[in-house]
Amino acid sequence: MPGLCCGANDEVGVANSVQECSSPFVSRRQVLCASGAFVAGAVALPILADAAGGVSIGMRAYTAIFPGGTGVHFDYDYYRDRHLAVMQSLYGAALTRVEMRKPVVAEGEPRSPYAAIVNFWIPDPEVFAKASAAHGQAMVQDRAHFTNGEQTVQSEVVFGETGKPASAMGAGDRCLTVLYPHAPADRFDHEYYRDHHLTSLIKLFGHEAISRMEIRRGLSSPDGKNPPLYSCTANIYVADAQAFAAAASTNHQRVVDDIPRFTSVSPVSFMTEVVGAFNA
């Protein structure tokens, strides 16, 4: 939204550094016929359905990614206390929710290549477009106060969510952010991802480990002229860190083995923490 502003690893690993999962391509027939299929226990589960309150399936969204790395700074306090406050005042009901998260990097781990992830949920694209035309430039100019990095943004649509409402997620909550890079040769099976992969993940991890899950389909660049950077993005909010770590350790291989069933690309996943957010 311009106006607003590795080793062997796995999608649900709990290490704090950025992780990329290597998934050699195999045909859909091969993986579905494999023994011990990840989805075997998932057929009776419902698809990810609407959670009560605020964000809903079919709602448009933007994901903005701010780069990190050497020489890049990001003032989280300014973004939370000033930038978000101004955005909420100017955009009002044009935004259902905005949430900014920072990567969680453990002591001794390399610095994250990302400085911040910001999600924007948009109830009415036309109303949002009018608000951006009126106030977008002011928000862009404010960016120099909190970062010297250039954000990348894509337009998305929410196509699955479950658990607590988005509005219940607040400062300090941990969220595993998962990004599936868009590749022209890849056929990302969004329905399989929603109806089987993530419903199985919920069953394996349980609500003791996951408090909320939301998935969004990448549509395009904000102006609609270019394909999305990511075919799919997911927010997996952690209910209890120890329970999440235990479930990830137990189910690591089952989760990794299922990835080729819906994509041939390697997901990028990293733990983040909510720094600031507002709800309409």
C-alpha atoms as a PDB file:
ATOM      1  CA  MET A   1       0.000   0.000   0.000  1.00  0.00           C
ATOM      2  CA  PRO A   2       2.230   2.845  -1.214  1.00  0.00           C
ATOM      3  CA  GLY A   3      -0.193   5.461   0.089  1.00  0.00           C
ATOM      4  CA  LEU A   4       0.311   4.175   3.637  1.00  0.00           C
ATOM      5  CA  CYS A   5       3.173   4.192   3.914  1.00  0.00           C
ATOM      6  CA  CYS A   6      19.335 -21.355   5.843  1.00  0.00           C
ATOM      7  CA  GLY A   7      19.692 -24.772   6.308  1.00  0.00           C
ATOM      8  CA  ALA A   8      17.024 -27.472   6.455  1.00  0.00           C
ATOM      9  CA  ASN A   9      14.069 -25.610   7.892  1.00  0.00           C
ATOM     10  CA  ASP A  10      10.304 -25.853   7.833  1.00  0.00           C
ATOM     11  CA  GLU A  11       7.132 -23.873   7.670  1.00  0.00           C
ATOM     12  CA  VAL A  12       6.344 -24.216  11.369  1.00  0.00           C
ATOM     13  CA  GLY A  13       9.836 -24.362  12.818  1.00  0.00           C
ATOM     14  CA  VAL A  14      10.232 -22.367  15.999  1.00  0.00           C
ATOM     15  CA  ALA A  15      13.715 -20.993  15.454  1.00  0.00           C
ATOM     16  CA  ASN A  16      13.677 -17.207  15.533  1.00  0.00           C
ATOM     17  CA  SER A  17      15.707 -16.676  12.380  1.00  0.00           C
ATOM     18  CA  VAL A  18      14.181 -16.600   8.911  1.00  0.00           C
ATOM     19  CA  GLN A  19      13.623 -20.105   7.597  1.00  0.00           C
ATOM     20  CA  GLU A  20      13.268 -21.461   4.099  1.00  0.00           C
ATOM     21  CA  CYS A  21      11.972 -24.939   3.433  1.00  0.00           C
ATOM     22  CA  SER A  22      13.474 -26.931   0.593  1.00  0.00           C
ATOM     23  CA  SER A  23      10.705 -28.918  -1.066  1.00  0.00           C
ATOM     24  CA  PRO A  24      11.709 -30.898  -4.172  1.00  0.00           C
ATOM     25  CA  PHE A  25       8.899 -30.932  -6.716  1.00  0.00           C
ATOM     26  CA  VAL A  26       6.928 -34.112  -7.100  1.00  0.00           C
ATOM     27  CA  SER A  27       3.737 -34.626  -9.023  1.00  0.00           C
ATOM     28  CA  ARG A  28       0.367 -34.222  -7.327  1.00  0.00           C
ATOM     29  CA  ARG A  29      -0.437 -37.873  -8.139  1.00  0.00           C
ATOM     30  CA  GLN A  30       2.759 -39.079  -6.466  1.00  0.00           C
ATOM     31  CA  VAL A  31       2.196 -37.247  -3.227  1.00  0.00           C
ATOM     32  CA  LEU A  32      -1.497 -38.027  -2.939  1.00  0.00           C
ATOM     33  CA  CYS A  33      -0.809 -41.706  -3.386  1.00  0.00           C
ATOM     34  CA  ALA A  34       2.007 -41.734  -0.833  1.00  0.00           C
ATOM     35  CA  SER A  35       1.493 -43.760   2.284  1.00  0.00           C
ATOM     36  CA  GLY A  36       1.010 -41.990   5.611  1.00  0.00           C
ATOM     37  CA  ALA A  37      -0.477 -38.920   3.948  1.00  0.00           C
ATOM     38  CA  PHE A  38      -0.556 -35.781   6.089  1.00  0.00           C
ATOM     39  CA  VAL A  39      -4.211 -35.238   5.202  1.00  0.00           C
ATOM     40  CA  ALA A  40      -5.408 -38.638   6.318  1.00  0.00           C
ATOM     41  CA  GLY A  41      -6.784 -37.296   9.564  1.00  0.00           C
ATOM     42  CA  ALA A  42      -8.069 -34.054   8.093  1.00  0.00           C
ATOM     43  CA  VAL A  43     -10.947 -35.048   5.847  1.00  0.00           C
ATOM     44  CA  ALA A  44     -13.535 -34.555   8.567  1.00  0.00           C
ATOM     45  CA  LEU A  45     -12.337 -31.085   9.485  1.00  0.00           C
ATOM     46  CA  PRO A  46     -14.208 -28.014   8.199  1.00  0.00           C
ATOM     47  CA  ILE A  47     -12.510 -25.431   6.037  1.00  0.00           C
ATOM     48  CA  LEU A  48     -11.118 -22.365   7.748  1.00  0.00           C
ATOM     49  CA  ALA A  49     -14.290 -20.421   8.463  1.00  0.00           C
ATOM     50  CA  ASP A  50     -14.965 -16.872   9.605  1.00  0.00           C
ATOM     51  CA  ALA A  51     -13.863 -15.990  13.107  1.00  0.00           C
ATOM     52  CA  ALA A  52     -16.141 -13.549  14.884  1.00  0.00           C
ATOM     53  CA  GLY A  53     -15.359  -9.860  14.695  1.00  0.00           C
ATOM     54  CA  GLY A  54     -13.621  -7.460  12.323  1.00  0.00           C
ATOM     55  CA  VAL A  55     -11.640  -9.304   9.663  1.00  0.00           C
ATOM     56  CA  SER A  56     -13.692 -11.682   7.527  1.00  0.00           C
ATOM     57  CA  ILE A  57     -13.276 -14.033   4.586  1.00  0.00           C
ATOM     58  CA  GLY A  58     -13.432 -12.170   1.292  1.00  0.00           C
ATOM     59  CA  MET A  59     -12.053  -8.957   2.803  1.00  0.00           C
ATOM     60  CA  ARG A  60      -9.337  -7.217   0.837  1.00  0.00           C
ATOM     61  CA  ALA A  61      -5.969  -6.653   2.453  1.00  0.00           C
ATOM     62  CA  TYR A  62      -2.462  -5.353   1.873  1.00  0.00           C
ATOM     63  CA  THR A  63       0.785  -6.772   3.189  1.00  0.00           C
ATOM     64  CA  ALA A  64       3.745  -4.389   3.415  1.00  0.00           C
ATOM     65  CA  ILE A  65       7.240  -5.722   4.045  1.00  0.00           C
ATOM     66  CA  PHE A  66      10.017  -3.416   5.192  1.00  0.00           C
ATOM     67  CA  PRO A  67      13.560  -4.651   4.537  1.00  0.00           C
ATOM     68  CA  GLY A  68      16.150  -4.989   7.264  1.00  0.00           C
ATOM     69  CA  GLY A  69      19.844  -5.612   6.977  1.00  0.00           C
ATOM     70  CA  THR A  70      23.001  -3.570   7.300  1.00  0.00           C
ATOM     71  CA  GLY A  71      22.455   0.179   7.248  1.00  0.00           C
ATOM     72  CA  VAL A  72      18.667  -0.023   7.511  1.00  0.00           C
ATOM     73  CA  HIS A  73      16.914   1.395  10.560  1.00  0.00           C
ATOM     74  CA  PHE A  74      13.301   1.139  11.665  1.00  0.00           C
ATOM     75  CA  ASP A  75      11.859   3.102  14.596  1.00  0.00           C
ATOM     76  CA  TYR A  76       9.166   0.801  16.001  1.00  0.00           C
ATOM     77  CA  ASP A  77       8.155   3.253  18.711  1.00  0.00           C
ATOM     78  CA  TYR A  78       7.572   6.051  16.217  1.00  0.00           C
ATOM     79  CA  TYR A  79       5.561   3.792  13.914  1.00  0.00           C
ATOM     80  CA  ARG A  80       3.404   2.552  16.781  1.00  0.00           C
ATOM     81  CA  ASP A  81       2.922   5.835  18.646  1.00  0.00           C
ATOM     82  CA  ARG A  82       2.840   8.369  15.816  1.00  0.00           C
ATOM     83  CA  HIS A  83       2.440   6.804  12.382  1.00  0.00           C
ATOM     84  CA  LEU A  84      -0.368   4.406  13.347  1.00  0.00           C
ATOM     85  CA  ALA A  85      -2.166   7.135  15.300  1.00  0.00           C
ATOM     86  CA  VAL A  86      -2.123   9.510  12.323  1.00  0.00           C
ATOM     87  CA  MET A  87      -3.199   6.731   9.976  1.00  0.00           C
ATOM     88  CA  GLN A  88      -6.153   5.834  12.183  1.00  0.00           C
ATOM     89  CA  SER A  89      -7.199   9.488  12.410  1.00  0.00           C
ATOM     90  CA  LEU A  90      -7.001  10.106   8.645  1.00  0.00           C
ATOM     91  CA  TYR A  91      -8.346   6.815   7.312  1.00  0.00           C
ATOM     92  CA  GLY A  92     -10.971   6.055   9.952  1.00  0.00           C
ATOM     93  CA  ALA A  93     -13.406   3.342   8.875  1.00  0.00           C
ATOM     94  CA  ALA A  94     -11.563   2.896   5.549  1.00  0.00           C
ATOM     95  CA  LEU A  95      -9.372   0.439   7.465  1.00  0.00           C
ATOM     96  CA  THR A  96     -10.783  -2.356   9.614  1.00  0.00           C
ATOM     97  CA  ARG A  97      -7.435  -3.092  11.229  1.00  0.00           C
ATOM     98  CA  VAL A  98      -3.733  -2.364  10.858  1.00  0.00           C
ATOM     99  CA  GLU A  99      -1.101  -4.508  12.592  1.00  0.00           C
ATOM    100  CA  MET A 100       2.670  -3.987  12.673  1.00  0.00           C
ATOM    101  CA  ARG A 101       5.024  -6.785  13.723  1.00  0.00           C
ATOM    102  CA  LYS A 102       8.772  -7.054  14.108  1.00  0.00           C
ATOM    103  CA  PRO A 103      10.900 -10.185  13.619  1.00  0.00           C
ATOM    104  CA  VAL A 104      11.932 -11.985  16.803  1.00  0.00           C
ATOM    105  CA  VAL A 105      15.657 -12.702  16.687  1.00  0.00           C
ATOM    106  CA  ALA A 106      17.270 -14.708  19.466  1.00  0.00           C
ATOM    107  CA  GLU A 107      20.646 -13.798  20.887  1.00  0.00           C
ATOM    108  CA  GLY A 108      23.379 -15.149  18.666  1.00  0.00           C
ATOM    109  CA  GLU A 109      21.105 -15.472  15.624  1.00  0.00           C
ATOM    110  CA  PRO A 110      21.874 -13.465  12.440  1.00  0.00           C
ATOM    111  CA  ARG A 111      19.977 -10.254  11.871  1.00  0.00           C
ATOM    112  CA  SER A 112      16.670 -10.690  10.064  1.00  0.00           C
ATOM    113  CA  PRO A 113      16.500  -9.531   6.426  1.00  0.00           C
ATOM    114  CA  TYR A 114      13.149  -7.962   7.364  1.00  0.00           C
ATOM    115  CA  ALA A 115      12.634  -4.948   9.614  1.00  0.00           C
ATOM    116  CA  ALA A 116       8.843  -5.100   9.895  1.00  0.00           C
ATOM    117  CA  ILE A 117       5.698  -6.670   8.477  1.00  0.00           C
ATOM    118  CA  VAL A 118       2.501  -4.601   8.352  1.00  0.00           C
ATOM    119  CA  ASN A 119      -0.933  -5.998   7.494  1.00  0.00           C
ATOM    120  CA  PHE A 120      -3.818  -3.739   6.451  1.00  0.00           C
ATOM    121  CA  TRP A 121      -7.414  -5.001   6.277  1.00  0.00           C
ATOM    122  CA  ILE A 122      -9.748  -3.079   3.966  1.00  0.00           C
ATOM    123  CA  PRO A 123     -13.544  -3.384   4.278  1.00  0.00           C
ATOM    124  CA  ASP A 124     -14.382  -1.415   1.115  1.00  0.00           C
ATOM    125  CA  PRO A 125     -11.738  -0.911  -1.618  1.00  0.00           C
ATOM    126  CA  GLU A 126     -13.538   2.121  -3.069  1.00  0.00           C
ATOM    127  CA  VAL A 127     -13.701   3.918   0.277  1.00  0.00           C
ATOM    128  CA  PHE A 128     -10.085   3.035   0.904  1.00  0.00           C
ATOM    129  CA  ALA A 129      -9.036   4.348  -2.525  1.00  0.00           C
ATOM    130  CA  LYS A 130     -10.702   7.697  -1.806  1.00  0.00           C
ATOM    131  CA  ALA A 131      -8.977   7.934   1.574  1.00  0.00           C
ATOM    132  CA  SER A 132      -5.628   7.081  -0.012  1.00  0.00           C
ATOM    133  CA  ALA A 133      -6.106   9.744  -2.695  1.00  0.00           C
ATOM    134  CA  ALA A 134      -6.708  12.313   0.030  1.00  0.00           C
ATOM    135  CA  HIS A 135      -4.124  11.235   2.612  1.00  0.00           C
ATOM    136  CA  GLY A 136      -1.705   8.799   1.012  1.00  0.00           C
ATOM    137  CA  GLN A 137       0.987  11.338   0.201  1.00  0.00           C
ATOM    138  CA  ALA A 138       1.102  12.562   3.801  1.00  0.00           C
ATOM    139  CA  MET A 139       1.660   8.990   5.008  1.00  0.00           C
ATOM    140  CA  VAL A 140       4.414   8.449   2.436  1.00  0.00           C
ATOM    141  CA  GLN A 141       6.190  11.613   3.531  1.00  0.00           C
ATOM    142  CA  ASP A 142       6.040  10.470   7.158  1.00  0.00           C
ATOM    143  CA  ARG A 143       7.971   7.303   6.314  1.00  0.00           C
ATOM    144  CA  ALA A 144      11.307   9.123   6.545  1.00  0.00           C
ATOM    145  CA  HIS A 145      10.655   9.583  10.277  1.00  0.00           C
ATOM    146  CA  PHE A 146      10.762   5.858  11.016  1.00  0.00           C
ATOM    147  CA  THR A 147      12.796   4.102   8.305  1.00  0.00           C
ATOM    148  CA  ASN A 148      15.249   4.601   5.476  1.00  0.00           C
ATOM    149  CA  GLY A 149      14.136   1.380   3.799  1.00  0.00           C
ATOM    150  CA  GLU A 150      11.761   1.009   0.856  1.00  0.00           C
ATOM    151  CA  GLN A 151       8.715  -1.136   1.519  1.00  0.00           C
ATOM    152  CA  THR A 152       7.285  -3.704  -0.870  1.00  0.00           C
ATOM    153  CA  VAL A 153       3.505  -4.060  -0.918  1.00  0.00           C
ATOM    154  CA  GLN A 154       0.981  -6.433  -2.441  1.00  0.00           C
ATOM    155  CA  SER A 155      -2.793  -6.586  -2.664  1.00  0.00           C
ATOM    156  CA  GLU A 156      -4.478  -9.672  -1.182  1.00  0.00           C
ATOM    157  CA  VAL A 157      -7.801 -11.197  -0.221  1.00  0.00           C
ATOM    158  CA  VAL A 158      -8.535 -13.147   2.970  1.00  0.00           C
ATOM    159  CA  PHE A 159      -9.634 -16.672   2.024  1.00  0.00           C
ATOM    160  CA  GLY A 160      -9.489 -18.448   5.369  1.00  0.00           C
ATOM    161  CA  GLU A 161      -9.360 -17.724   9.098  1.00  0.00           C
ATOM    162  CA  THR A 162     -10.108 -19.491  12.336  1.00  0.00           C
ATOM    163  CA  GLY A 163      -9.633 -19.070  16.066  1.00  0.00           C
ATOM    164  CA  LYS A 164      -9.829 -15.816  17.981  1.00  0.00           C
ATOM    165  CA  PRO A 165     -10.828 -12.642  16.111  1.00  0.00           C
ATOM    166  CA  ALA A 166      -8.046 -10.504  14.694  1.00  0.00           C
ATOM    167  CA  SER A 167      -9.011  -7.695  17.065  1.00  0.00           C
ATOM    168  CA  ALA A 168      -8.005  -9.904  20.017  1.00  0.00           C
ATOM    169  CA  MET A 169      -4.378  -9.965  18.873  1.00  0.00           C
ATOM    170  CA  GLY A 170      -2.374  -7.308  20.705  1.00  0.00           C
ATOM    171  CA  ALA A 171       1.092  -6.040  21.533  1.00  0.00           C
ATOM    172  CA  GLY A 172       3.434  -8.807  22.610  1.00  0.00           C
ATOM    173  CA  ASP A 173       1.579 -11.618  20.855  1.00  0.00           C
ATOM    174  CA  ARG A 174       3.809 -13.869  18.767  1.00  0.00           C
ATOM    175  CA  CYS A 175       2.927 -14.708  15.173  1.00  0.00           C
ATOM    176  CA  LEU A 176       4.634 -17.105  12.789  1.00  0.00           C
ATOM    177  CA  THR A 177       4.632 -15.219   9.486  1.00  0.00           C
ATOM    178  CA  VAL A 178       4.738 -17.476   6.416  1.00  0.00           C
ATOM    179  CA  LEU A 179       5.358 -16.193   2.878  1.00  0.00           C
ATOM    180  CA  TYR A 180       5.073 -18.307  -0.275  1.00  0.00           C
ATOM    181  CA  PRO A 181       6.958 -16.531  -3.098  1.00  0.00           C
ATOM    182  CA  HIS A 182       5.044 -16.247  -6.342  1.00  0.00           C
ATOM    183  CA  ALA A 183       6.564 -18.226  -9.213  1.00  0.00           C
ATOM    184  CA  PRO A 184       4.973 -18.164 -12.696  1.00  0.00           C
ATOM    185  CA  ALA A 185       5.692 -21.875 -13.170  1.00  0.00           C
ATOM    186  CA  ASP A 186       4.149 -22.847  -9.831  1.00  0.00           C
ATOM    187  CA  ARG A 187       0.506 -23.739  -9.424  1.00  0.00           C
ATOM    188  CA  PHE A 188      -0.229 -22.894  -5.817  1.00  0.00           C
ATOM    189  CA  ASP A 189      -3.273 -24.893  -4.744  1.00  0.00           C
ATOM    190  CA  HIS A 190      -4.994 -22.461  -2.395  1.00  0.00           C
ATOM    191  CA  GLU A 191      -7.956 -24.758  -1.778  1.00  0.00           C
ATOM    192  CA  TYR A 192      -5.749 -27.665  -0.727  1.00  0.00           C
ATOM    193  CA  TYR A 193      -3.700 -25.343   1.461  1.00  0.00           C
ATOM    194  CA  ARG A 194      -6.826 -24.095   3.237  1.00  0.00           C
ATOM    195  CA  ASP A 195      -8.991 -27.206   3.336  1.00  0.00           C
ATOM    196  CA  HIS A 196      -6.303 -29.788   4.129  1.00  0.00           C
ATOM    197  CA  HIS A 197      -2.894 -28.418   5.063  1.00  0.00           C
ATOM    198  CA  LEU A 198      -3.960 -25.813   7.577  1.00  0.00           C
ATOM    199  CA  THR A 199      -6.921 -27.703   8.968  1.00  0.00           C
ATOM    200  CA  SER A 200      -4.535 -30.589   9.623  1.00  0.00           C
ATOM    201  CA  LEU A 201      -2.090 -28.167  11.217  1.00  0.00           C
ATOM    202  CA  ILE A 202      -4.805 -26.994  13.595  1.00  0.00           C
ATOM    203  CA  LYS A 203      -5.648 -30.567  14.509  1.00  0.00           C
ATOM    204  CA  LEU A 204      -1.999 -31.501  15.096  1.00  0.00           C
ATOM    205  CA  PHE A 205      -1.074 -28.396  17.087  1.00  0.00           C
ATOM    206  CA  GLY A 206      -4.349 -27.738  18.884  1.00  0.00           C
ATOM    207  CA  HIS A 207      -5.746 -24.508  20.275  1.00  0.00           C
ATOM    208  CA  GLU A 208      -3.295 -24.778  23.158  1.00  0.00           C
ATOM    209  CA  ALA A 209      -0.557 -23.860  20.657  1.00  0.00           C
ATOM    210  CA  ILE A 210      -2.387 -21.762  18.031  1.00  0.00           C
ATOM    211  CA  SER A 211      -4.803 -18.993  18.994  1.00  0.00           C
ATOM    212  CA  ARG A 212      -5.590 -17.686  15.515  1.00  0.00           C
ATOM    213  CA  MET A 213      -4.761 -18.485  11.921  1.00  0.00           C
ATOM    214  CA  GLU A 214      -5.389 -16.357   8.846  1.00  0.00           C
ATOM    215  CA  ILE A 215      -4.462 -16.946   5.220  1.00  0.00           C
ATOM    216  CA  ARG A 216      -4.516 -14.500   2.307  1.00  0.00           C
ATOM    217  CA  ARG A 217      -4.275 -15.060  -1.437  1.00  0.00           C
ATOM    218  CA  GLY A 218      -1.872 -12.738  -3.257  1.00  0.00           C
ATOM    219  CA  LEU A 219      -3.625 -10.805  -6.028  1.00  0.00           C
ATOM    220  CA  SER A 220      -1.268  -8.249  -7.542  1.00  0.00           C
ATOM    221  CA  SER A 221       0.789  -5.164  -6.888  1.00  0.00           C
ATOM    222  CA  PRO A 222      -1.327  -2.331  -5.386  1.00  0.00           C
ATOM    223  CA  ASP A 223      -1.820  -0.736  -8.818  1.00  0.00           C
ATOM    224  CA  GLY A 224      -2.852  -4.073 -10.342  1.00  0.00           C
ATOM    225  CA  LYS A 225      -0.151  -3.898 -13.023  1.00  0.00           C
ATOM    226  CA  ASN A 226       2.158  -6.625 -11.740  1.00  0.00           C
ATOM    227  CA  PRO A 227       1.709 -10.095 -10.243  1.00  0.00           C
ATOM    228  CA  PRO A 228       1.961 -10.495  -6.471  1.00  0.00           C
ATOM    229  CA  LEU A 229       5.303 -11.058  -4.796  1.00  0.00           C
ATOM    230  CA  TYR A 230       3.751 -13.914  -2.825  1.00  0.00           C
ATOM    231  CA  SER A 231       1.084 -16.389  -3.924  1.00  0.00           C
ATOM    232  CA  CYS A 232      -0.046 -16.790  -0.337  1.00  0.00           C
ATOM    233  CA  THR A 233       0.734 -15.269   3.052  1.00  0.00           C
ATOM    234  CA  ALA A 234      -0.241 -16.689   6.427  1.00  0.00           C
ATOM    235  CA  ASN A 235      -0.367 -15.422  10.003  1.00  0.00           C
ATOM    236  CA  ILE A 236      -0.222 -18.184  12.623  1.00  0.00           C
ATOM    237  CA  TYR A 237      -0.613 -16.663  16.088  1.00  0.00           C
ATOM    238  CA  VAL A 238       0.955 -18.522  18.989  1.00  0.00           C
ATOM    239  CA  ALA A 239      -1.233 -19.198  22.009  1.00  0.00           C
ATOM    240  CA  ASP A 240       1.529 -20.701  24.142  1.00  0.00           C
ATOM    241  CA  ALA A 241       5.192 -20.740  23.129  1.00  0.00           C
ATOM    242  CA  GLN A 242       6.031 -24.005  24.886  1.00  0.00           C
ATOM    243  CA  ALA A 243       3.005 -25.822  23.490  1.00  0.00           C
ATOM    244  CA  PHE A 244       3.784 -24.481  20.016  1.00  0.00           C
ATOM    245  CA  ALA A 245       7.428 -25.566  20.224  1.00  0.00           C
ATOM    246  CA  ALA A 246       6.468 -29.038  21.438  1.00  0.00           C
ATOM    247  CA  ALA A 247       3.908 -29.491  18.649  1.00  0.00           C
ATOM    248  CA  ALA A 248       6.365 -28.241  16.027  1.00  0.00           C
ATOM    249  CA  SER A 249       9.017 -30.667  17.234  1.00  0.00           C
ATOM    250  CA  THR A 250       6.624 -33.616  17.170  1.00  0.00           C
ATOM    251  CA  ASN A 251       5.009 -32.846  13.814  1.00  0.00           C
ATOM    252  CA  HIS A 252       7.916 -31.279  11.938  1.00  0.00           C
ATOM    253  CA  GLN A 253       8.336 -33.928   9.258  1.00  0.00           C
ATOM    254  CA  ARG A 254       4.620 -34.451   8.640  1.00  0.00           C
ATOM    255  CA  VAL A 255       4.183 -30.745   7.945  1.00  0.00           C
ATOM    256  CA  VAL A 256       7.227 -30.517   5.675  1.00  0.00           C
ATOM    257  CA  ASP A 257       6.245 -33.618   3.705  1.00  0.00           C
ATOM    258  CA  ASP A 258       2.856 -32.098   2.900  1.00  0.00           C
ATOM    259  CA  ILE A 259       4.179 -28.899   1.289  1.00  0.00           C
ATOM    260  CA  PRO A 260       4.780 -30.405  -2.205  1.00  0.00           C
ATOM    261  CA  ARG A 261       1.092 -31.327  -2.340  1.00  0.00           C
ATOM    262  CA  PHE A 262       0.136 -27.685  -2.875  1.00  0.00           C
ATOM    263  CA  THR A 263       3.257 -25.884  -4.120  1.00  0.00           C
ATOM    264  CA  SER A 264       6.714 -26.421  -5.579  1.00  0.00           C
ATOM    265  CA  VAL A 265       8.181 -23.259  -4.023  1.00  0.00           C
ATOM    266  CA  SER A 266       9.934 -23.038  -0.678  1.00  0.00           C
ATOM    267  CA  PRO A 267       8.063 -21.010   1.958  1.00  0.00           C
ATOM    268  CA  VAL A 268       9.839 -18.368   4.006  1.00  0.00           C
ATOM    269  CA  SER A 269       8.823 -18.371   7.661  1.00  0.00           C
ATOM    270  CA  PHE A 270       9.924 -16.314  10.631  1.00  0.00           C
ATOM    271  CA  MET A 271       8.608 -15.597  14.085  1.00  0.00           C
ATOM    272  CA  THR A 272       7.310 -12.080  14.663  1.00  0.00           C
ATOM    273  CA  GLU A 273       5.863 -10.117  17.555  1.00  0.00           C
ATOM    274  CA  VAL A 274       2.988  -7.629  17.438  1.00  0.00           C
ATOM    275  CA  VAL A 275       4.338  -4.168  18.275  1.00  0.00           C
ATOM    276  CA  GLY A 276       1.284  -2.063  17.556  1.00  0.00           C
ATOM    277  CA  ALA A 277      -2.170  -2.279  16.022  1.00  0.00           C
ATOM    278  CA  PHE A 278      -5.502  -0.493  15.807  1.00  0.00           C
ATOM    279  CA  ASN A 279      -9.046  -1.583  14.996  1.00  0.00           C
ATOM    280  CA  ALA A 280     -11.767   0.527  13.409  1.00  0.00           C
END
